[in-house]
Every structure is written in structure tokens, then in C-alpha cells.
Amino acid sequence: MPHGFDMPILVVDDYPTMIRILSNLLKQIGYTNIEEAANGAEAYEKAQAKEYGLVISDWNMHPMTGYELLQKLRADPRTQATPFIMVTAESKTDNVIAARKAGVSGYIVKPFNAQTLKAKIDAVFAARAA
């Protein structure tokens, strides 16, 4: 899927406020096609029904965490190449290593701003193009 401002982006977080913040940051950057999911299970269902250009997910959620969502998406041939950015309040080295091993495309520690988000998205798509 081409990287453009109209590509579908799935924002996954169990806090509606964080979804709103992420959506607003994406809109500030210029993205226009943003969908939401309240947890990993809902996000996985949506990813089965539609192709997304990018998934941005929180780590800590119930009943399915962002990490478990990442593992399921990477195990599915239809979604294994979907760019995935993990967002978390924790910068534990073990979590970063686990996410990298599971195939995460990028990792952002809260709090962050639009410039940080844009830089991470740009880096993810630059790496895919290389």
C-alpha cells in the first residue's frame, strides 16, 4: 500500500482521550483517513476486514495487548507487512527488545508531539522503501 496522507491508519488505544490525541496529531501532520479501535481484539477484527497502511497501537490494553496484536498481525500473511508503531508510557528495555523481535516497525514513548510522530512515521516508510 502506498504511503500517502489518505492511506488508512488504525489507531488502537483503550483510552478514548489518547485516541483523540493521536488522531489530532495525525491530522496536524496531514493524514485524513484515521480509524479507531478500543483494544487489540477490536483492531485485529478490523485488520481482517480492511487493509491498513499503518497501525499505531498502545502496548497496555485488555483483553488483547498491543504486543499480542502485533504478534497476531505478523503471523497472518495478509497483515504481516503492515507497518506497526507501538506507543507506550514505558521505556523498559525488555519491552523494546520484545517488540523488535516480534517485528514492530517503530516504537514511541509517551509523551510525544506531532514532530516526533511524523519523524517516526517517515522513518518507518523510509526503511520500507530502502
N, C-alpha and C. Protein backbone atom coordinates (compact mmCIF):
# COMPACT_ATOMS: atom_id res chain seq x y z
N MET A 1 0.85 -1.18 0.00
CA MET A 1 0.00 0.00 0.00
C MET A 1 0.89 1.24 0.00
N PRO A 2 0.62 2.21 -0.88
CA PRO A 2 1.46 3.40 -0.93
C PRO A 2 1.30 4.27 0.30
N HIS A 3 2.39 4.95 0.63
CA HIS A 3 2.40 5.85 1.79
C HIS A 3 1.94 7.22 1.31
N GLY A 4 0.73 7.59 1.69
CA GLY A 4 0.19 8.90 1.34
C GLY A 4 -0.68 9.40 2.46
N PHE A 5 -1.03 10.66 2.41
CA PHE A 5 -1.82 11.24 3.50
C PHE A 5 -3.24 10.68 3.57
N ASP A 6 -3.67 9.99 2.50
CA ASP A 6 -5.01 9.40 2.52
C ASP A 6 -5.01 7.91 2.81
N MET A 7 -3.82 7.33 3.11
CA MET A 7 -3.79 5.90 3.44
C MET A 7 -4.56 5.67 4.74
N PRO A 8 -5.24 4.53 4.86
CA PRO A 8 -5.97 4.26 6.10
C PRO A 8 -5.02 3.93 7.25
N ILE A 9 -5.22 4.62 8.36
CA ILE A 9 -4.41 4.41 9.57
C ILE A 9 -5.34 3.94 10.67
N LEU A 10 -4.95 2.88 11.37
CA LEU A 10 -5.72 2.37 12.50
C LEU A 10 -5.01 2.76 13.80
N VAL A 11 -5.70 3.54 14.63
CA VAL A 11 -5.18 3.97 15.93
C VAL A 11 -5.85 3.11 17.00
N VAL A 12 -5.03 2.44 17.83
CA VAL A 12 -5.55 1.50 18.81
C VAL A 12 -5.12 1.92 20.22
N ASP A 13 -6.10 2.18 21.06
CA ASP A 13 -5.82 2.53 22.46
C ASP A 13 -7.08 2.34 23.27
N ASP A 14 -6.94 1.93 24.52
CA ASP A 14 -8.12 1.72 25.35
C ASP A 14 -8.57 3.00 26.06
N TYR A 15 -7.83 4.09 25.90
CA TYR A 15 -8.23 5.38 26.45
C TYR A 15 -8.71 6.28 25.33
N PRO A 16 -10.01 6.61 25.30
CA PRO A 16 -10.53 7.48 24.24
C PRO A 16 -9.77 8.80 24.11
N THR A 17 -9.27 9.33 25.22
CA THR A 17 -8.51 10.58 25.18
C THR A 17 -7.23 10.40 24.37
N MET A 18 -6.56 9.27 24.54
CA MET A 18 -5.32 9.02 23.79
C MET A 18 -5.61 8.83 22.31
N ILE A 19 -6.72 8.17 22.00
CA ILE A 19 -7.11 8.02 20.59
C ILE A 19 -7.34 9.41 19.98
N ARG A 20 -8.02 10.28 20.72
CA ARG A 20 -8.28 11.63 20.23
C ARG A 20 -6.97 12.41 20.03
N ILE A 21 -6.05 12.28 20.99
CA ILE A 21 -4.75 12.97 20.87
C ILE A 21 -4.00 12.46 19.64
N LEU A 22 -3.91 11.14 19.49
CA LEU A 22 -3.20 10.58 18.34
C LEU A 22 -3.86 10.98 17.03
N SER A 23 -5.17 10.91 16.98
CA SER A 23 -5.89 11.31 15.76
C SER A 23 -5.63 12.77 15.42
N ASN A 24 -5.65 13.63 16.43
CA ASN A 24 -5.38 15.05 16.20
C ASN A 24 -3.96 15.29 15.72
N LEU A 25 -3.00 14.57 16.30
CA LEU A 25 -1.60 14.70 15.85
C LEU A 25 -1.47 14.25 14.40
N LEU A 26 -2.10 13.15 14.06
CA LEU A 26 -2.05 12.66 12.68
C LEU A 26 -2.67 13.68 11.73
N LYS A 27 -3.77 14.29 12.14
CA LYS A 27 -4.42 15.31 11.30
C LYS A 27 -3.52 16.54 11.15
N GLN A 28 -2.82 16.92 12.24
CA GLN A 28 -1.88 18.05 12.15
C GLN A 28 -0.80 17.77 11.12
N ILE A 29 -0.34 16.53 11.06
CA ILE A 29 0.70 16.14 10.11
C ILE A 29 0.13 16.14 8.69
N GLY A 30 -1.18 15.87 8.56
CA GLY A 30 -1.80 15.88 7.24
C GLY A 30 -2.57 14.62 6.88
N TYR A 31 -2.57 13.62 7.75
CA TYR A 31 -3.28 12.38 7.45
C TYR A 31 -4.79 12.59 7.62
N THR A 32 -5.57 11.98 6.73
CA THR A 32 -7.00 12.24 6.71
C THR A 32 -7.88 11.01 6.91
N ASN A 33 -7.32 9.81 6.77
CA ASN A 33 -8.11 8.59 6.80
C ASN A 33 -7.76 7.79 8.07
N ILE A 34 -8.34 8.20 9.20
CA ILE A 34 -7.97 7.63 10.50
C ILE A 34 -9.16 6.87 11.09
N GLU A 35 -8.92 5.63 11.46
CA GLU A 35 -9.93 4.82 12.13
C GLU A 35 -9.43 4.45 13.52
N GLU A 36 -10.37 4.01 14.38
CA GLU A 36 -10.01 3.73 15.77
C GLU A 36 -10.46 2.34 16.19
N ALA A 37 -9.72 1.81 17.18
CA ALA A 37 -10.11 0.57 17.85
C ALA A 37 -9.78 0.73 19.33
N ALA A 38 -10.65 0.18 20.19
CA ALA A 38 -10.50 0.37 21.63
C ALA A 38 -9.58 -0.65 22.30
N ASN A 39 -9.17 -1.68 21.55
CA ASN A 39 -8.24 -2.67 22.11
C ASN A 39 -7.70 -3.53 20.97
N GLY A 40 -6.76 -4.40 21.31
CA GLY A 40 -6.13 -5.23 20.29
C GLY A 40 -7.09 -6.17 19.59
N ALA A 41 -8.06 -6.71 20.33
CA ALA A 41 -9.01 -7.65 19.73
C ALA A 41 -9.86 -6.95 18.67
N GLU A 42 -10.34 -5.76 18.99
CA GLU A 42 -11.13 -5.00 18.03
C GLU A 42 -10.28 -4.61 16.82
N ALA A 43 -9.04 -4.23 17.08
CA ALA A 43 -8.13 -3.85 16.00
C ALA A 43 -7.86 -5.04 15.08
N TYR A 44 -7.68 -6.22 15.66
CA TYR A 44 -7.41 -7.40 14.85
C TYR A 44 -8.60 -7.71 13.93
N GLU A 45 -9.80 -7.59 14.48
CA GLU A 45 -11.01 -7.81 13.66
C GLU A 45 -11.05 -6.82 12.49
N LYS A 46 -10.75 -5.56 12.78
CA LYS A 46 -10.76 -4.54 11.72
C LYS A 46 -9.70 -4.82 10.67
N ALA A 47 -8.53 -5.28 11.12
CA ALA A 47 -7.43 -5.56 10.19
C ALA A 47 -7.72 -6.79 9.33
N GLN A 48 -8.61 -7.64 9.78
CA GLN A 48 -9.03 -8.79 8.98
C GLN A 48 -9.98 -8.35 7.87
N ALA A 49 -10.72 -7.28 8.13
CA ALA A 49 -11.75 -6.83 7.19
C ALA A 49 -11.25 -5.77 6.22
N LYS A 50 -10.14 -5.11 6.54
CA LYS A 50 -9.68 -3.99 5.73
C LYS A 50 -8.15 -3.90 5.78
N GLU A 51 -7.56 -3.48 4.69
CA GLU A 51 -6.11 -3.29 4.64
C GLU A 51 -5.77 -1.88 5.13
N TYR A 52 -4.87 -1.81 6.11
CA TYR A 52 -4.42 -0.52 6.63
C TYR A 52 -2.99 -0.25 6.17
N GLY A 53 -2.71 1.04 5.96
CA GLY A 53 -1.37 1.44 5.57
C GLY A 53 -0.44 1.55 6.76
N LEU A 54 -1.04 1.67 7.97
CA LEU A 54 -0.26 1.84 9.20
C LEU A 54 -1.16 1.53 10.39
N VAL A 55 -0.59 0.84 11.38
CA VAL A 55 -1.27 0.64 12.66
C VAL A 55 -0.41 1.32 13.73
N ILE A 56 -1.06 2.15 14.55
CA ILE A 56 -0.40 2.77 15.69
C ILE A 56 -1.13 2.29 16.93
N SER A 57 -0.44 1.54 17.79
CA SER A 57 -1.12 0.88 18.90
C SER A 57 -0.42 1.12 20.23
N ASP A 58 -1.24 1.29 21.26
CA ASP A 58 -0.75 1.30 22.64
C ASP A 58 -0.31 -0.12 23.00
N TRP A 59 0.56 -0.25 23.97
CA TRP A 59 1.03 -1.56 24.42
C TRP A 59 0.04 -2.16 25.41
N ASN A 60 -0.31 -1.40 26.46
CA ASN A 60 -1.09 -1.92 27.58
C ASN A 60 -2.59 -1.75 27.36
N MET A 61 -3.25 -2.86 27.00
CA MET A 61 -4.70 -2.86 26.81
C MET A 61 -5.24 -4.23 27.16
N HIS A 62 -6.55 -4.29 27.41
CA HIS A 62 -7.23 -5.57 27.65
C HIS A 62 -8.42 -5.64 26.72
N PRO A 63 -8.84 -6.77 26.24
CA PRO A 63 -8.34 -8.11 26.55
C PRO A 63 -7.11 -8.51 25.74
N MET A 64 -6.77 -7.78 24.68
CA MET A 64 -5.58 -8.10 23.89
C MET A 64 -4.65 -6.89 23.88
N THR A 65 -3.40 -7.10 24.28
CA THR A 65 -2.44 -6.00 24.32
C THR A 65 -1.97 -5.64 22.92
N GLY A 66 -1.31 -4.51 22.81
CA GLY A 66 -0.71 -4.11 21.54
C GLY A 66 0.36 -5.09 21.10
N TYR A 67 1.08 -5.64 22.06
CA TYR A 67 2.11 -6.64 21.75
C TYR A 67 1.48 -7.90 21.16
N GLU A 68 0.38 -8.35 21.77
CA GLU A 68 -0.32 -9.53 21.25
C GLU A 68 -0.92 -9.25 19.86
N LEU A 69 -1.42 -8.03 19.68
CA LEU A 69 -1.93 -7.62 18.37
C LEU A 69 -0.82 -7.68 17.34
N LEU A 70 0.34 -7.14 17.67
CA LEU A 70 1.49 -7.17 16.76
C LEU A 70 1.84 -8.61 16.39
N GLN A 71 1.88 -9.50 17.37
CA GLN A 71 2.21 -10.90 17.09
C GLN A 71 1.18 -11.53 16.14
N LYS A 72 -0.10 -11.27 16.38
CA LYS A 72 -1.14 -11.85 15.52
C LYS A 72 -1.07 -11.29 14.10
N LEU A 73 -0.82 -9.98 13.98
CA LEU A 73 -0.73 -9.38 12.64
C LEU A 73 0.49 -9.92 11.89
N ARG A 74 1.59 -10.10 12.58
CA ARG A 74 2.80 -10.59 11.93
C ARG A 74 2.67 -12.07 11.55
N ALA A 75 1.82 -12.83 12.26
CA ALA A 75 1.64 -14.25 11.96
C ALA A 75 0.68 -14.47 10.80
N ASP A 76 -0.05 -13.45 10.40
CA ASP A 76 -1.05 -13.56 9.34
C ASP A 76 -0.44 -13.06 8.02
N PRO A 77 -0.39 -13.89 6.97
CA PRO A 77 0.21 -13.47 5.70
C PRO A 77 -0.41 -12.20 5.12
N ARG A 78 -1.69 -11.96 5.39
CA ARG A 78 -2.35 -10.78 4.83
C ARG A 78 -1.94 -9.48 5.53
N THR A 79 -1.50 -9.58 6.78
CA THR A 79 -1.18 -8.37 7.54
C THR A 79 0.27 -8.32 8.01
N GLN A 80 1.06 -9.33 7.66
CA GLN A 80 2.42 -9.41 8.22
C GLN A 80 3.32 -8.24 7.82
N ALA A 81 3.04 -7.60 6.70
CA ALA A 81 3.89 -6.49 6.25
C ALA A 81 3.34 -5.12 6.61
N THR A 82 2.18 -5.07 7.28
CA THR A 82 1.60 -3.78 7.65
C THR A 82 2.50 -3.05 8.63
N PRO A 83 2.90 -1.82 8.32
CA PRO A 83 3.73 -1.06 9.26
C PRO A 83 3.00 -0.90 10.60
N PHE A 84 3.75 -1.06 11.69
CA PHE A 84 3.16 -1.07 13.03
C PHE A 84 4.05 -0.25 13.96
N ILE A 85 3.49 0.80 14.53
CA ILE A 85 4.22 1.63 15.50
C ILE A 85 3.59 1.40 16.87
N MET A 86 4.42 1.01 17.83
CA MET A 86 3.98 0.78 19.20
C MET A 86 4.17 2.06 20.00
N VAL A 87 3.13 2.41 20.76
CA VAL A 87 3.18 3.59 21.62
C VAL A 87 3.01 3.11 23.05
N THR A 88 3.86 3.59 23.95
CA THR A 88 3.76 3.16 25.34
C THR A 88 4.31 4.22 26.28
N ALA A 89 3.85 4.17 27.52
CA ALA A 89 4.37 5.06 28.55
C ALA A 89 5.63 4.47 29.18
N GLU A 90 5.89 3.21 28.89
CA GLU A 90 7.03 2.52 29.48
C GLU A 90 8.18 2.40 28.47
N SER A 91 9.37 2.73 28.94
CA SER A 91 10.53 2.59 28.05
C SER A 91 11.42 1.44 28.50
N LYS A 92 10.81 0.40 29.07
CA LYS A 92 11.57 -0.77 29.53
C LYS A 92 12.31 -1.39 28.35
N THR A 93 13.57 -1.62 28.54
CA THR A 93 14.40 -2.22 27.50
C THR A 93 13.84 -3.57 27.06
N ASP A 94 13.36 -4.37 28.02
CA ASP A 94 12.82 -5.70 27.68
C ASP A 94 11.64 -5.58 26.73
N ASN A 95 10.78 -4.56 26.94
CA ASN A 95 9.62 -4.37 26.07
C ASN A 95 10.05 -3.97 24.66
N VAL A 96 11.02 -3.07 24.59
CA VAL A 96 11.51 -2.63 23.28
C VAL A 96 12.10 -3.81 22.53
N ILE A 97 12.90 -4.61 23.21
CA ILE A 97 13.53 -5.78 22.58
C ILE A 97 12.46 -6.78 22.13
N ALA A 98 11.47 -7.04 22.99
CA ALA A 98 10.40 -7.98 22.64
C ALA A 98 9.63 -7.48 21.42
N ALA A 99 9.33 -6.19 21.40
CA ALA A 99 8.59 -5.62 20.26
C ALA A 99 9.42 -5.72 18.98
N ARG A 100 10.70 -5.44 19.08
CA ARG A 100 11.58 -5.55 17.89
C ARG A 100 11.60 -6.98 17.37
N LYS A 101 11.74 -7.94 18.29
CA LYS A 101 11.77 -9.35 17.88
C LYS A 101 10.46 -9.77 17.24
N ALA A 102 9.34 -9.16 17.70
CA ALA A 102 8.02 -9.50 17.16
C ALA A 102 7.77 -8.82 15.82
N GLY A 103 8.65 -7.89 15.43
CA GLY A 103 8.53 -7.27 14.11
C GLY A 103 7.93 -5.88 14.10
N VAL A 104 8.02 -5.17 15.23
CA VAL A 104 7.49 -3.81 15.26
C VAL A 104 8.28 -2.93 14.29
N SER A 105 7.60 -1.98 13.66
CA SER A 105 8.27 -1.08 12.71
C SER A 105 8.87 0.12 13.41
N GLY A 106 8.26 0.54 14.52
CA GLY A 106 8.74 1.69 15.26
C GLY A 106 8.18 1.67 16.67
N TYR A 107 8.79 2.47 17.55
CA TYR A 107 8.44 2.47 18.96
C TYR A 107 8.49 3.91 19.44
N ILE A 108 7.42 4.40 20.06
CA ILE A 108 7.39 5.77 20.58
C ILE A 108 7.00 5.71 22.06
N VAL A 109 7.77 6.44 22.89
CA VAL A 109 7.47 6.53 24.31
C VAL A 109 6.71 7.82 24.58
N LYS A 110 5.58 7.70 25.31
CA LYS A 110 4.79 8.87 25.69
C LYS A 110 5.55 9.65 26.75
N PRO A 111 5.39 10.95 26.84
CA PRO A 111 4.63 11.80 25.92
C PRO A 111 5.44 12.12 24.67
N PHE A 112 4.76 12.49 23.59
CA PHE A 112 5.43 12.86 22.35
C PHE A 112 4.57 13.90 21.65
N ASN A 113 5.15 14.53 20.62
CA ASN A 113 4.42 15.58 19.89
C ASN A 113 4.30 15.20 18.41
N ALA A 114 3.70 16.09 17.65
CA ALA A 114 3.47 15.82 16.23
C ALA A 114 4.78 15.62 15.48
N GLN A 115 5.81 16.39 15.83
CA GLN A 115 7.10 16.26 15.14
C GLN A 115 7.70 14.87 15.37
N THR A 116 7.61 14.39 16.61
CA THR A 116 8.14 13.06 16.93
C THR A 116 7.37 11.99 16.17
N LEU A 117 6.05 12.11 16.15
CA LEU A 117 5.21 11.14 15.44
C LEU A 117 5.52 11.16 13.95
N LYS A 118 5.62 12.34 13.37
CA LYS A 118 5.92 12.47 11.95
C LYS A 118 7.28 11.85 11.63
N ALA A 119 8.28 12.14 12.47
CA ALA A 119 9.62 11.61 12.24
C ALA A 119 9.61 10.07 12.29
N LYS A 120 8.84 9.51 13.22
CA LYS A 120 8.77 8.05 13.33
C LYS A 120 8.06 7.45 12.13
N ILE A 121 6.95 8.05 11.70
CA ILE A 121 6.23 7.55 10.52
C ILE A 121 7.11 7.65 9.29
N ASP A 122 7.78 8.79 9.12
CA ASP A 122 8.68 8.95 7.96
C ASP A 122 9.80 7.91 7.98
N ALA A 123 10.36 7.65 9.16
CA ALA A 123 11.44 6.66 9.28
C ALA A 123 10.94 5.26 8.93
N VAL A 124 9.74 4.92 9.37
CA VAL A 124 9.17 3.60 9.09
C VAL A 124 9.03 3.41 7.58
N PHE A 125 8.50 4.44 6.88
CA PHE A 125 8.29 4.29 5.44
C PHE A 125 9.59 4.43 4.64
N ALA A 126 10.55 5.17 5.17
CA ALA A 126 11.86 5.25 4.51
C ALA A 126 12.55 3.90 4.58
N ALA A 127 12.45 3.23 5.72
CA ALA A 127 13.07 1.90 5.88
C ALA A 127 12.41 0.88 4.95
N ARG A 128 11.10 0.99 4.76
CA ARG A 128 10.39 0.06 3.87
C ARG A 128 10.79 0.29 2.41
N ALA A 129 11.08 1.54 2.06
CA ALA A 129 11.41 1.87 0.68
C ALA A 129 12.84 1.48 0.32
N ALA A 130 13.67 1.36 1.37
CA ALA A 130 15.10 1.07 1.14
C ALA A 130 15.32 -0.38 0.71
